[in-house]
Amino acid sequence: MSLDFSVLLLFQDALVLGLWTTIKLTLICVVLGSSLGFLVGLARTAPSAVVRGIASVYVEFFRGTPVLIQLFWIFFCLPLILGVELSNLASGVIALTLYMGAITSETFRASLKSVGREQMDACIALGLPRHVQVTSVILPQAVLRAVPTLLSNCVSLFKESALVSAVGMADLMFVGQNISNNTARPVEVLTVVALIYFAIAFPLTRAVTLVEGRILKKLAI
């Protein structure tokens, strides 16, 4: 079998557009999912056992089931229950946001616990309202401690986003599959698609290591 990667030059614009769709989807879900994860992380440290229980069920469910099944359920089943139409974009955003929220909540929960109790006592002694305690004292320190793991979660989400191709969203994987089917060149096309994912994910993973080292030094000062 002879390989011919030059055929991909005819489809470079489609691949770039698919990659841009993947990046946009990832960024949207990172922002929404991280925000949700912080709220759930707070809920898992709440005094109320009911709140902690509800948050724990959510986290364990979305961490314990395949993302593909979550995506299919939201795309095929949720519209039947709600009686509304959901586009593949909306379904992808909902599924990946819920997944991101679940995995980042554990990151935030650990970072929240690492914030010294004496700082919370100082906030209470100063009579600071709860929302001020969260936004001005807890959140900055928790986010700083959580950054390395959050970056790792973002890389994972970027790779998991390829699953949205299963519901017809024109991301990089979907475009690659279409090109592969049309050209009968699966080896060349899928190899290039894999290399594109790797070219983005690998530098990010290396960045995580560098950021983690700097944060540990800063916290040690």
C-alpha atoms as a PDB file:
ATOM      1  CA  MET A   1       0.000   0.000   0.000  1.00  0.00           C
ATOM      2  CA  SER A   2       1.419   3.365  -1.051  1.00  0.00           C
ATOM      3  CA  LEU A   3       0.803   6.395   1.121  1.00  0.00           C
ATOM      4  CA  ASP A   4      -0.008   9.796  -0.353  1.00  0.00           C
ATOM      5  CA  PHE A   5      -0.335  12.585   2.215  1.00  0.00           C
ATOM      6  CA  SER A   6      -0.446  15.232  -0.518  1.00  0.00           C
ATOM      7  CA  VAL A   7      -4.160  14.537  -0.995  1.00  0.00           C
ATOM      8  CA  LEU A   8      -4.760  16.354   2.297  1.00  0.00           C
ATOM      9  CA  LEU A   9      -3.625  19.626   0.742  1.00  0.00           C
ATOM     10  CA  LEU A  10      -6.956  19.686  -1.087  1.00  0.00           C
ATOM     11  CA  PHE A  11      -8.805  19.633   2.238  1.00  0.00           C
ATOM     12  CA  GLN A  12      -6.599  21.834   4.408  1.00  0.00           C
ATOM     13  CA  ASP A  13      -9.253  24.563   4.694  1.00  0.00           C
ATOM     14  CA  ALA A  14     -11.834  22.027   5.903  1.00  0.00           C
ATOM     15  CA  LEU A  15      -9.388  20.658   8.473  1.00  0.00           C
ATOM     16  CA  VAL A  16      -8.585  24.151   9.764  1.00  0.00           C
ATOM     17  CA  LEU A  17     -12.299  24.934  10.053  1.00  0.00           C
ATOM     18  CA  GLY A  18     -12.890  21.665  11.911  1.00  0.00           C
ATOM     19  CA  LEU A  19      -9.996  22.421  14.264  1.00  0.00           C
ATOM     20  CA  TRP A  20     -11.368  25.905  14.945  1.00  0.00           C
ATOM     21  CA  THR A  21     -14.757  24.367  15.801  1.00  0.00           C
ATOM     22  CA  THR A  22     -13.048  21.963  18.203  1.00  0.00           C
ATOM     23  CA  ILE A  23     -11.101  24.774  19.880  1.00  0.00           C
ATOM     24  CA  LYS A  24     -14.191  26.992  20.230  1.00  0.00           C
ATOM     25  CA  LEU A  25     -16.201  24.128  21.711  1.00  0.00           C
ATOM     26  CA  THR A  26     -13.405  23.327  24.145  1.00  0.00           C
ATOM     27  CA  LEU A  27     -13.021  26.936  25.284  1.00  0.00           C
ATOM     28  CA  ILE A  28     -16.765  27.366  25.837  1.00  0.00           C
ATOM     29  CA  CYS A  29     -16.987  24.176  27.867  1.00  0.00           C
ATOM     30  CA  VAL A  30     -13.822  24.992  29.835  1.00  0.00           C
ATOM     31  CA  VAL A  31     -15.264  28.333  30.966  1.00  0.00           C
ATOM     32  CA  LEU A  32     -18.743  26.986  31.744  1.00  0.00           C
ATOM     33  CA  GLY A  33     -17.498  23.705  33.201  1.00  0.00           C
ATOM     34  CA  SER A  34     -14.873  25.322  35.429  1.00  0.00           C
ATOM     35  CA  SER A  35     -17.442  27.788  36.771  1.00  0.00           C
ATOM     36  CA  LEU A  36     -19.844  24.927  37.461  1.00  0.00           C
ATOM     37  CA  GLY A  37     -17.039  22.892  39.004  1.00  0.00           C
ATOM     38  CA  PHE A  38     -16.179  25.666  41.447  1.00  0.00           C
ATOM     39  CA  LEU A  39     -19.811  25.947  42.566  1.00  0.00           C
ATOM     40  CA  VAL A  40     -20.076  22.181  42.959  1.00  0.00           C
ATOM     41  CA  GLY A  41     -16.767  22.163  44.836  1.00  0.00           C
ATOM     42  CA  LEU A  42     -18.221  24.710  47.253  1.00  0.00           C
ATOM     43  CA  ALA A  43     -21.366  22.598  47.560  1.00  0.00           C
ATOM     44  CA  ARG A  44     -19.303  19.528  48.458  1.00  0.00           C
ATOM     45  CA  THR A  45     -17.767  21.439  51.365  1.00  0.00           C
ATOM     46  CA  ALA A  46     -21.085  22.971  52.483  1.00  0.00           C
ATOM     47  CA  PRO A  47     -22.344  22.425  56.063  1.00  0.00           C
ATOM     48  CA  SER A  48     -25.617  20.941  54.785  1.00  0.00           C
ATOM     49  CA  ALA A  49     -25.520  17.175  54.325  1.00  0.00           C
ATOM     50  CA  VAL A  50     -28.293  17.401  51.721  1.00  0.00           C
ATOM     51  CA  VAL A  51     -26.317  19.855  49.583  1.00  0.00           C
ATOM     52  CA  ARG A  52     -23.186  17.739  49.906  1.00  0.00           C
ATOM     53  CA  GLY A  53     -25.159  14.628  48.987  1.00  0.00           C
ATOM     54  CA  ILE A  54     -26.704  16.132  45.851  1.00  0.00           C
ATOM     55  CA  ALA A  55     -23.330  17.474  44.708  1.00  0.00           C
ATOM     56  CA  SER A  56     -21.668  14.111  45.359  1.00  0.00           C
ATOM     57  CA  VAL A  57     -24.289  12.210  43.342  1.00  0.00           C
ATOM     58  CA  TYR A  58     -23.784  14.566  40.399  1.00  0.00           C
ATOM     59  CA  VAL A  59     -20.008  14.247  40.525  1.00  0.00           C
ATOM     60  CA  GLU A  60     -19.928  10.475  40.906  1.00  0.00           C
ATOM     61  CA  PHE A  61     -22.468   9.960  38.114  1.00  0.00           C
ATOM     62  CA  PHE A  62     -20.657  12.066  35.527  1.00  0.00           C
ATOM     63  CA  ARG A  63     -17.245  10.742  36.542  1.00  0.00           C
ATOM     64  CA  GLY A  64     -18.464   7.167  36.618  1.00  0.00           C
ATOM     65  CA  THR A  65     -20.220   6.947  33.244  1.00  0.00           C
ATOM     66  CA  PRO A  66     -18.715   7.201  29.730  1.00  0.00           C
ATOM     67  CA  VAL A  67     -18.842  10.673  28.213  1.00  0.00           C
ATOM     68  CA  LEU A  68     -20.130   9.187  24.953  1.00  0.00           C
ATOM     69  CA  ILE A  69     -23.197   7.758  26.705  1.00  0.00           C
ATOM     70  CA  GLN A  70     -23.816  11.107  28.407  1.00  0.00           C
ATOM     71  CA  LEU A  71     -23.606  12.831  25.021  1.00  0.00           C
ATOM     72  CA  PHE A  72     -25.970  10.343  23.363  1.00  0.00           C
ATOM     73  CA  TRP A  73     -28.471  10.599  26.226  1.00  0.00           C
ATOM     74  CA  ILE A  74     -28.523  14.391  26.055  1.00  0.00           C
ATOM     75  CA  PHE A  75     -28.755  14.400  22.249  1.00  0.00           C
ATOM     76  CA  PHE A  76     -31.368  11.645  21.821  1.00  0.00           C
ATOM     77  CA  CYS A  77     -33.246  11.369  25.133  1.00  0.00           C
ATOM     78  CA  LEU A  78     -33.315  14.847  26.664  1.00  0.00           C
ATOM     79  CA  PRO A  79     -35.293  16.374  23.740  1.00  0.00           C
ATOM     80  CA  LEU A  80     -37.943  13.664  24.168  1.00  0.00           C
ATOM     81  CA  ILE A  81     -38.270  14.420  27.878  1.00  0.00           C
ATOM     82  CA  LEU A  82     -38.274  18.212  27.517  1.00  0.00           C
ATOM     83  CA  GLY A  83     -40.214  18.304  24.261  1.00  0.00           C
ATOM     84  CA  VAL A  84     -37.681  20.633  22.632  1.00  0.00           C
ATOM     85  CA  GLU A  85     -35.139  20.287  19.851  1.00  0.00           C
ATOM     86  CA  LEU A  86     -31.467  20.327  20.786  1.00  0.00           C
ATOM     87  CA  SER A  87     -28.835  20.936  18.131  1.00  0.00           C
ATOM     88  CA  ASN A  88     -25.658  18.878  18.092  1.00  0.00           C
ATOM     89  CA  LEU A  89     -23.790  22.004  19.253  1.00  0.00           C
ATOM     90  CA  ALA A  90     -26.109  22.521  22.224  1.00  0.00           C
ATOM     91  CA  SER A  91     -25.925  18.829  23.120  1.00  0.00           C
ATOM     92  CA  GLY A  92     -22.139  18.852  22.897  1.00  0.00           C
ATOM     93  CA  VAL A  93     -21.838  21.959  25.060  1.00  0.00           C
ATOM     94  CA  ILE A  94     -24.206  20.574  27.707  1.00  0.00           C
ATOM     95  CA  ALA A  95     -22.547  17.154  27.847  1.00  0.00           C
ATOM     96  CA  LEU A  96     -18.960  18.402  27.952  1.00  0.00           C
ATOM     97  CA  THR A  97     -19.808  21.195  30.404  1.00  0.00           C
ATOM     98  CA  LEU A  98     -21.412  18.746  32.818  1.00  0.00           C
ATOM     99  CA  TYR A  99     -18.444  16.403  32.461  1.00  0.00           C
ATOM    100  CA  MET A 100     -15.956  19.250  32.965  1.00  0.00           C
ATOM    101  CA  GLY A 101     -17.924  20.466  35.965  1.00  0.00           C
ATOM    102  CA  ALA A 102     -17.710  17.037  37.570  1.00  0.00           C
ATOM    103  CA  ILE A 103     -13.970  16.547  37.135  1.00  0.00           C
ATOM    104  CA  THR A 104     -13.030  20.119  38.068  1.00  0.00           C
ATOM    105  CA  SER A 105     -15.219  20.042  41.178  1.00  0.00           C
ATOM    106  CA  GLU A 106     -12.823  17.521  42.695  1.00  0.00           C
ATOM    107  CA  THR A 107      -9.925  19.796  41.818  1.00  0.00           C
ATOM    108  CA  PHE A 108     -11.586  22.775  43.473  1.00  0.00           C
ATOM    109  CA  ARG A 109     -12.698  20.738  46.481  1.00  0.00           C
ATOM    110  CA  ALA A 110      -9.102  19.734  47.162  1.00  0.00           C
ATOM    111  CA  SER A 111      -7.831  23.275  46.657  1.00  0.00           C
ATOM    112  CA  LEU A 112     -10.565  24.702  48.884  1.00  0.00           C
ATOM    113  CA  LYS A 113      -9.549  22.340  51.667  1.00  0.00           C
ATOM    114  CA  SER A 114      -5.955  23.515  51.302  1.00  0.00           C
ATOM    115  CA  VAL A 115      -6.914  27.098  52.191  1.00  0.00           C
ATOM    116  CA  GLY A 116      -5.929  27.544  55.821  1.00  0.00           C
ATOM    117  CA  ARG A 117      -8.733  27.475  58.387  1.00  0.00           C
ATOM    118  CA  GLU A 118      -7.169  30.457  60.132  1.00  0.00           C
ATOM    119  CA  GLN A 119      -7.962  32.599  57.097  1.00  0.00           C
ATOM    120  CA  MET A 120     -11.619  31.655  57.292  1.00  0.00           C
ATOM    121  CA  ASP A 121     -11.616  32.430  60.996  1.00  0.00           C
ATOM    122  CA  ALA A 122     -10.101  35.836  60.214  1.00  0.00           C
ATOM    123  CA  CYS A 123     -12.876  36.521  57.664  1.00  0.00           C
ATOM    124  CA  ILE A 124     -15.503  35.638  60.258  1.00  0.00           C
ATOM    125  CA  ALA A 125     -13.783  37.775  62.897  1.00  0.00           C
ATOM    126  CA  LEU A 126     -13.797  40.715  60.490  1.00  0.00           C
ATOM    127  CA  GLY A 127     -17.488  40.186  59.824  1.00  0.00           C
ATOM    128  CA  LEU A 128     -17.041  39.757  56.063  1.00  0.00           C
ATOM    129  CA  PRO A 129     -20.172  38.613  54.204  1.00  0.00           C
ATOM    130  CA  ARG A 130     -20.076  35.109  52.770  1.00  0.00           C
ATOM    131  CA  HIS A 131     -19.905  36.291  49.146  1.00  0.00           C
ATOM    132  CA  VAL A 132     -16.924  38.523  50.001  1.00  0.00           C
ATOM    133  CA  GLN A 133     -15.185  35.624  51.731  1.00  0.00           C
ATOM    134  CA  VAL A 134     -15.660  33.479  48.629  1.00  0.00           C
ATOM    135  CA  THR A 135     -14.704  36.037  45.956  1.00  0.00           C
ATOM    136  CA  SER A 136     -11.909  37.894  47.751  1.00  0.00           C
ATOM    137  CA  VAL A 137     -10.285  35.292  50.001  1.00  0.00           C
ATOM    138  CA  ILE A 138     -11.189  31.733  49.081  1.00  0.00           C
ATOM    139  CA  LEU A 139     -11.498  31.924  45.283  1.00  0.00           C
ATOM    140  CA  PRO A 140      -8.098  33.531  44.468  1.00  0.00           C
ATOM    141  CA  GLN A 141      -6.164  31.052  46.608  1.00  0.00           C
ATOM    142  CA  ALA A 142      -8.198  28.037  45.493  1.00  0.00           C
ATOM    143  CA  VAL A 143      -7.779  28.892  41.822  1.00  0.00           C
ATOM    144  CA  LEU A 144      -4.031  29.382  42.234  1.00  0.00           C
ATOM    145  CA  ARG A 145      -3.639  25.969  43.850  1.00  0.00           C
ATOM    146  CA  ALA A 146      -5.945  24.351  41.286  1.00  0.00           C
ATOM    147  CA  VAL A 147      -4.332  25.778  38.128  1.00  0.00           C
ATOM    148  CA  PRO A 148      -2.043  22.817  37.261  1.00  0.00           C
ATOM    149  CA  THR A 149      -4.818  20.246  37.601  1.00  0.00           C
ATOM    150  CA  LEU A 150      -7.288  22.533  35.821  1.00  0.00           C
ATOM    151  CA  LEU A 151      -4.909  22.770  32.870  1.00  0.00           C
ATOM    152  CA  SER A 152      -4.696  18.983  32.788  1.00  0.00           C
ATOM    153  CA  ASN A 153      -8.496  18.839  32.820  1.00  0.00           C
ATOM    154  CA  CYS A 154      -8.586  21.258  29.881  1.00  0.00           C
ATOM    155  CA  VAL A 155      -6.257  19.010  27.883  1.00  0.00           C
ATOM    156  CA  SER A 156      -8.471  16.017  28.691  1.00  0.00           C
ATOM    157  CA  LEU A 157     -11.555  17.937  27.599  1.00  0.00           C
ATOM    158  CA  PHE A 158      -9.878  18.940  24.332  1.00  0.00           C
ATOM    159  CA  LYS A 159      -9.296  15.273  23.539  1.00  0.00           C
ATOM    160  CA  GLU A 160     -12.741  14.161  24.731  1.00  0.00           C
ATOM    161  CA  SER A 161     -14.327  16.783  22.461  1.00  0.00           C
ATOM    162  CA  ALA A 162     -13.685  14.443  19.522  1.00  0.00           C
ATOM    163  CA  LEU A 163     -16.721  12.481  20.725  1.00  0.00           C
ATOM    164  CA  VAL A 164     -19.108  15.187  19.469  1.00  0.00           C
ATOM    165  CA  SER A 165     -18.422  13.929  15.950  1.00  0.00           C
ATOM    166  CA  ALA A 166     -20.678  10.990  16.869  1.00  0.00           C
ATOM    167  CA  VAL A 167     -23.707  13.324  16.870  1.00  0.00           C
ATOM    168  CA  GLY A 168     -22.763  15.008  13.614  1.00  0.00           C
ATOM    169  CA  MET A 169     -20.988  18.116  14.859  1.00  0.00           C
ATOM    170  CA  ALA A 170     -18.441  19.298  12.298  1.00  0.00           C
ATOM    171  CA  ASP A 171     -15.395  19.278  14.556  1.00  0.00           C
ATOM    172  CA  LEU A 172     -11.911  18.157  13.541  1.00  0.00           C
ATOM    173  CA  MET A 173     -12.698  14.462  14.006  1.00  0.00           C
ATOM    174  CA  PHE A 174     -15.946  14.663  12.017  1.00  0.00           C
ATOM    175  CA  VAL A 175     -14.232  16.496   9.160  1.00  0.00           C
ATOM    176  CA  GLY A 176     -11.403  13.962   9.196  1.00  0.00           C
ATOM    177  CA  GLN A 177     -13.837  11.055   9.006  1.00  0.00           C
ATOM    178  CA  ASN A 178     -15.650  12.621   6.057  1.00  0.00           C
ATOM    179  CA  ILE A 179     -12.411  13.254   4.189  1.00  0.00           C
ATOM    180  CA  SER A 180     -11.320   9.696   4.925  1.00  0.00           C
ATOM    181  CA  ASN A 181     -14.579   8.290   3.537  1.00  0.00           C
ATOM    182  CA  ASN A 182     -14.473  10.487   0.424  1.00  0.00           C
ATOM    183  CA  THR A 183     -10.842   9.856  -0.455  1.00  0.00           C
ATOM    184  CA  ALA A 184     -10.544   6.239   0.711  1.00  0.00           C
ATOM    185  CA  ARG A 185      -7.324   7.306   2.433  1.00  0.00           C
ATOM    186  CA  PRO A 186      -8.025   6.520   6.106  1.00  0.00           C
ATOM    187  CA  VAL A 187      -4.382   5.972   7.042  1.00  0.00           C
ATOM    188  CA  GLU A 188      -3.201   9.348   5.810  1.00  0.00           C
ATOM    189  CA  VAL A 189      -6.209  11.324   6.983  1.00  0.00           C
ATOM    190  CA  LEU A 190      -6.581   9.840  10.452  1.00  0.00           C
ATOM    191  CA  THR A 191      -2.833   9.972  11.015  1.00  0.00           C
ATOM    192  CA  VAL A 192      -2.789  13.698  10.258  1.00  0.00           C
ATOM    193  CA  VAL A 193      -5.847  14.286  12.450  1.00  0.00           C
ATOM    194  CA  ALA A 194      -4.154  12.455  15.321  1.00  0.00           C
ATOM    195  CA  LEU A 195      -0.993  14.509  14.823  1.00  0.00           C
ATOM    196  CA  ILE A 196      -3.013  17.739  14.937  1.00  0.00           C
ATOM    197  CA  TYR A 197      -4.544  16.730  18.273  1.00  0.00           C
ATOM    198  CA  PHE A 198      -1.095  15.767  19.534  1.00  0.00           C
ATOM    199  CA  ALA A 199       0.510  19.002  18.310  1.00  0.00           C
ATOM    200  CA  ILE A 200      -1.925  20.974  20.483  1.00  0.00           C
ATOM    201  CA  ALA A 201      -2.218  18.674  23.489  1.00  0.00           C
ATOM    202  CA  PHE A 202       1.488  17.884  23.989  1.00  0.00           C
ATOM    203  CA  PRO A 203       2.712  21.494  24.462  1.00  0.00           C
ATOM    204  CA  LEU A 204      -0.164  22.060  26.876  1.00  0.00           C
ATOM    205  CA  THR A 205       0.853  19.053  28.960  1.00  0.00           C
ATOM    206  CA  ARG A 206       4.414  20.350  29.080  1.00  0.00           C
ATOM    207  CA  ALA A 207       3.083  23.763  30.098  1.00  0.00           C
ATOM    208  CA  VAL A 208       1.228  22.122  32.978  1.00  0.00           C
ATOM    209  CA  THR A 209       4.521  20.824  34.371  1.00  0.00           C
ATOM    210  CA  LEU A 210       6.176  24.247  34.116  1.00  0.00           C
ATOM    211  CA  VAL A 211       3.219  26.070  35.676  1.00  0.00           C
ATOM    212  CA  GLU A 212       2.984  23.540  38.482  1.00  0.00           C
ATOM    213  CA  GLY A 213       6.660  24.038  39.320  1.00  0.00           C
ATOM    214  CA  ARG A 214       6.308  27.819  39.448  1.00  0.00           C
ATOM    215  CA  ILE A 215       3.167  27.689  41.569  1.00  0.00           C
ATOM    216  CA  LEU A 216       4.786  25.312  44.063  1.00  0.00           C
ATOM    217  CA  LYS A 217       7.730  27.707  44.377  1.00  0.00           C
ATOM    218  CA  LYS A 218       5.374  30.650  44.872  1.00  0.00           C
ATOM    219  CA  LEU A 219       3.369  28.850  47.542  1.00  0.00           C
ATOM    220  CA  ALA A 220       6.589  27.845  49.302  1.00  0.00           C
ATOM    221  CA  ILE A 221       7.711  31.482  49.660  1.00  0.00           C
END
